Amino acid sequence: MSVYNNTVILKGNVCKEAEIKETTAGSVAKFTLAVYRTDKGNEAVTDFLIVSCWHDLCRGMSQINKGTSLIVIGSVITRSYEAKDGTKRYVTEIQAREIGLDIAIKKEGSKEEPEESPF
């Protein structure tokens, strides 16, 4: 059995700069990734997914701006907690193992150069 049999690969845009915090377990960065798909009627749909990354992986997130196109490889994690009103709440997020810039093929005549990766 594979250690990584819960694997997702996502391509999307960062919705806002990552929130980076120091915890007793280490550094963690959380951000929202907008991913795009089409529904049954070929209508464009946007899903907003929470992504967390830990330790060395979160260091480069301070250099990533809103709108940056990223590729994220990680696992789907579901956790629960008890809210102040006593109800049980569930959170589903992506725990990233790898993050990279989505470097598209440069169009002819385009003056854009690929960014240098902070990772």
C-alpha atoms as a PDB file:
ATOM      1  CA  MET A   1       0.000   0.000   0.000  1.00  0.00           C
ATOM      2  CA  SER A   2       1.300   3.446  -0.953  1.00  0.00           C
ATOM      3  CA  VAL A   3       1.955   6.027   1.718  1.00  0.00           C
ATOM      4  CA  TYR A   4       0.471   8.720  -0.546  1.00  0.00           C
ATOM      5  CA  ASN A   5      -2.719   7.080  -1.802  1.00  0.00           C
ATOM      6  CA  ASN A   6      -4.653  10.253  -0.817  1.00  0.00           C
ATOM      7  CA  THR A   7      -3.173  12.596  -3.433  1.00  0.00           C
ATOM      8  CA  VAL A   8      -4.637  15.602  -5.227  1.00  0.00           C
ATOM      9  CA  ILE A   9      -3.035  17.775  -7.886  1.00  0.00           C
ATOM     10  CA  LEU A  10      -4.525  21.244  -8.225  1.00  0.00           C
ATOM     11  CA  LYS A  11      -3.874  24.136 -10.588  1.00  0.00           C
ATOM     12  CA  GLY A  12      -5.346  27.480  -9.594  1.00  0.00           C
ATOM     13  CA  ASN A  13      -4.812  31.078  -8.564  1.00  0.00           C
ATOM     14  CA  VAL A  14      -4.008  32.414  -5.101  1.00  0.00           C
ATOM     15  CA  CYS A  15      -6.965  34.442  -3.787  1.00  0.00           C
ATOM     16  CA  LYS A  16      -4.955  36.478  -1.246  1.00  0.00           C
ATOM     17  CA  GLU A  17      -1.493  36.411   0.298  1.00  0.00           C
ATOM     18  CA  ALA A  18      -0.821  33.511   2.680  1.00  0.00           C
ATOM     19  CA  GLU A  19      -1.252  33.878   6.432  1.00  0.00           C
ATOM     20  CA  ILE A  20       1.942  32.582   8.025  1.00  0.00           C
ATOM     21  CA  LYS A  21       1.965  31.635  11.708  1.00  0.00           C
ATOM     22  CA  GLU A  22       4.401  30.087  14.138  1.00  0.00           C
ATOM     23  CA  THR A  23       2.915  27.236  16.189  1.00  0.00           C
ATOM     24  CA  THR A  24       4.354  24.793  18.694  1.00  0.00           C
ATOM     25  CA  ALA A  25       4.482  22.254  15.840  1.00  0.00           C
ATOM     26  CA  GLY A  26       6.370  24.659  13.526  1.00  0.00           C
ATOM     27  CA  SER A  27       5.639  27.270  10.842  1.00  0.00           C
ATOM     28  CA  VAL A  28       2.396  26.984   8.888  1.00  0.00           C
ATOM     29  CA  ALA A  29       1.064  29.015   5.947  1.00  0.00           C
ATOM     30  CA  LYS A  30      -2.598  28.981   4.931  1.00  0.00           C
ATOM     31  CA  PHE A  31      -4.074  30.441   1.779  1.00  0.00           C
ATOM     32  CA  THR A  32      -7.088  30.028  -0.484  1.00  0.00           C
ATOM     33  CA  LEU A  33      -6.657  28.632  -3.994  1.00  0.00           C
ATOM     34  CA  ALA A  34      -9.303  29.319  -6.650  1.00  0.00           C
ATOM     35  CA  VAL A  35      -9.626  26.300  -8.951  1.00  0.00           C
ATOM     36  CA  TYR A  36     -11.754  26.209 -12.077  1.00  0.00           C
ATOM     37  CA  ARG A  37     -13.895  23.484 -13.620  1.00  0.00           C
ATOM     38  CA  THR A  38     -16.972  23.119 -15.810  1.00  0.00           C
ATOM     39  CA  ASP A  39     -20.281  21.660 -14.672  1.00  0.00           C
ATOM     40  CA  LYS A  40     -22.643  19.413 -16.660  1.00  0.00           C
ATOM     41  CA  GLY A  41     -23.869  22.314 -18.769  1.00  0.00           C
ATOM     42  CA  ASN A  42     -20.280  23.397 -19.556  1.00  0.00           C
ATOM     43  CA  GLU A  43     -20.731  26.436 -17.301  1.00  0.00           C
ATOM     44  CA  ALA A  44     -17.537  27.672 -15.652  1.00  0.00           C
ATOM     45  CA  VAL A  45     -17.486  27.040 -11.902  1.00  0.00           C
ATOM     46  CA  THR A  46     -14.908  28.285  -9.387  1.00  0.00           C
ATOM     47  CA  ASP A  47     -14.150  26.357  -6.200  1.00  0.00           C
ATOM     48  CA  PHE A  48     -12.233  27.998  -3.361  1.00  0.00           C
ATOM     49  CA  LEU A  49     -10.043  25.554  -1.452  1.00  0.00           C
ATOM     50  CA  ILE A  50      -8.058  26.170   1.742  1.00  0.00           C
ATOM     51  CA  VAL A  51      -4.452  25.033   1.410  1.00  0.00           C
ATOM     52  CA  SER A  52      -2.019  24.639   4.304  1.00  0.00           C
ATOM     53  CA  CYS A  53       1.704  24.020   4.102  1.00  0.00           C
ATOM     54  CA  TRP A  54       4.182  23.418   6.886  1.00  0.00           C
ATOM     55  CA  HIS A  55       7.824  24.048   7.804  1.00  0.00           C
ATOM     56  CA  ASP A  56      10.229  24.682   4.913  1.00  0.00           C
ATOM     57  CA  LEU A  57       7.448  24.635   2.326  1.00  0.00           C
ATOM     58  CA  CYS A  58       5.736  27.655   3.891  1.00  0.00           C
ATOM     59  CA  ARG A  59       8.875  29.854   3.742  1.00  0.00           C
ATOM     60  CA  GLY A  60       8.393  30.727   0.069  1.00  0.00           C
ATOM     61  CA  MET A  61       4.717  31.621   0.506  1.00  0.00           C
ATOM     62  CA  SER A  62       5.578  35.108   1.815  1.00  0.00           C
ATOM     63  CA  GLN A  63       6.749  35.959  -1.734  1.00  0.00           C
ATOM     64  CA  ILE A  64       3.587  34.736  -3.497  1.00  0.00           C
ATOM     65  CA  ASN A  65       1.097  37.462  -4.420  1.00  0.00           C
ATOM     66  CA  LYS A  66      -2.635  37.403  -4.997  1.00  0.00           C
ATOM     67  CA  GLY A  67      -3.455  36.075  -8.479  1.00  0.00           C
ATOM     68  CA  THR A  68      -0.305  33.973  -8.826  1.00  0.00           C
ATOM     69  CA  SER A  69      -0.973  30.720 -10.660  1.00  0.00           C
ATOM     70  CA  LEU A  70       0.229  27.708  -8.631  1.00  0.00           C
ATOM     71  CA  ILE A  71       0.303  23.948  -8.896  1.00  0.00           C
ATOM     72  CA  VAL A  72      -0.272  22.220  -5.547  1.00  0.00           C
ATOM     73  CA  ILE A  73       0.274  18.528  -4.814  1.00  0.00           C
ATOM     74  CA  GLY A  74      -1.023  17.311  -1.480  1.00  0.00           C
ATOM     75  CA  SER A  75      -3.654  15.396   0.461  1.00  0.00           C
ATOM     76  CA  VAL A  76      -7.269  16.076   1.392  1.00  0.00           C
ATOM     77  CA  ILE A  77      -7.560  16.460   5.170  1.00  0.00           C
ATOM     78  CA  THR A  78     -10.837  16.636   7.114  1.00  0.00           C
ATOM     79  CA  ARG A  79     -10.818  17.661  10.769  1.00  0.00           C
ATOM     80  CA  SER A  80     -13.476  18.633  13.255  1.00  0.00           C
ATOM     81  CA  TYR A  81     -13.737  20.953  16.239  1.00  0.00           C
ATOM     82  CA  GLU A  82     -16.382  22.108  18.685  1.00  0.00           C
ATOM     83  CA  ALA A  83     -17.608  25.654  18.114  1.00  0.00           C
ATOM     84  CA  LYS A  84     -18.279  28.096  20.977  1.00  0.00           C
ATOM     85  CA  ASP A  85     -22.001  27.357  20.724  1.00  0.00           C
ATOM     86  CA  GLY A  86     -21.293  23.636  21.288  1.00  0.00           C
ATOM     87  CA  THR A  87     -21.956  22.444  17.732  1.00  0.00           C
ATOM     88  CA  LYS A  88     -19.469  20.213  15.961  1.00  0.00           C
ATOM     89  CA  ARG A  89     -17.903  21.806  12.875  1.00  0.00           C
ATOM     90  CA  TYR A  90     -15.972  20.139  10.061  1.00  0.00           C
ATOM     91  CA  VAL A  91     -13.207  21.643   7.951  1.00  0.00           C
ATOM     92  CA  THR A  92     -11.828  20.146   4.729  1.00  0.00           C
ATOM     93  CA  GLU A  93      -8.538  21.486   3.409  1.00  0.00           C
ATOM     94  CA  ILE A  94      -5.592  20.519   1.262  1.00  0.00           C
ATOM     95  CA  GLN A  95      -2.335  19.807   3.083  1.00  0.00           C
ATOM     96  CA  ALA A  96       0.348  20.588   0.523  1.00  0.00           C
ATOM     97  CA  ARG A  97       3.415  18.399   0.031  1.00  0.00           C
ATOM     98  CA  GLU A  98       4.697  20.291  -3.022  1.00  0.00           C
ATOM     99  CA  ILE A  99       3.957  23.766  -4.392  1.00  0.00           C
ATOM    100  CA  GLY A 100       5.260  25.226  -7.639  1.00  0.00           C
ATOM    101  CA  LEU A 101       4.641  28.143  -9.932  1.00  0.00           C
ATOM    102  CA  ASP A 102       2.528  27.382 -12.989  1.00  0.00           C
ATOM    103  CA  ILE A 103       4.834  28.487 -15.768  1.00  0.00           C
ATOM    104  CA  ALA A 104       2.797  28.633 -18.959  1.00  0.00           C
ATOM    105  CA  ILE A 105       4.405  28.497 -22.375  1.00  0.00           C
ATOM    106  CA  LYS A 106       5.262  32.034 -23.434  1.00  0.00           C
ATOM    107  CA  LYS A 107       3.118  33.236 -26.350  1.00  0.00           C
ATOM    108  CA  GLU A 108       4.916  34.575 -29.388  1.00  0.00           C
ATOM    109  CA  GLY A 109       5.319  38.345 -29.088  1.00  0.00           C
ATOM    110  CA  SER A 110       4.690  38.329 -25.322  1.00  0.00           C
ATOM    111  CA  LYS A 111       7.163  40.304 -23.235  1.00  0.00           C
ATOM    112  CA  GLU A 112       6.395  38.402 -20.020  1.00  0.00           C
ATOM    113  CA  GLU A 113       9.287  36.443 -18.544  1.00  0.00           C
ATOM    114  CA  PRO A 114       8.709  33.495 -16.189  1.00  0.00           C
ATOM    115  CA  GLU A 115       9.077  34.417 -12.508  1.00  0.00           C
ATOM    116  CA  GLU A 116      11.909  32.979 -10.455  1.00  0.00           C
ATOM    117  CA  SER A 117      10.501  30.384  -8.060  1.00  0.00           C
ATOM    118  CA  PRO A 118      10.763  31.199  -4.328  1.00  0.00           C
ATOM    119  CA  PHE A 119      10.618  27.441  -3.580  1.00  0.00           C
END
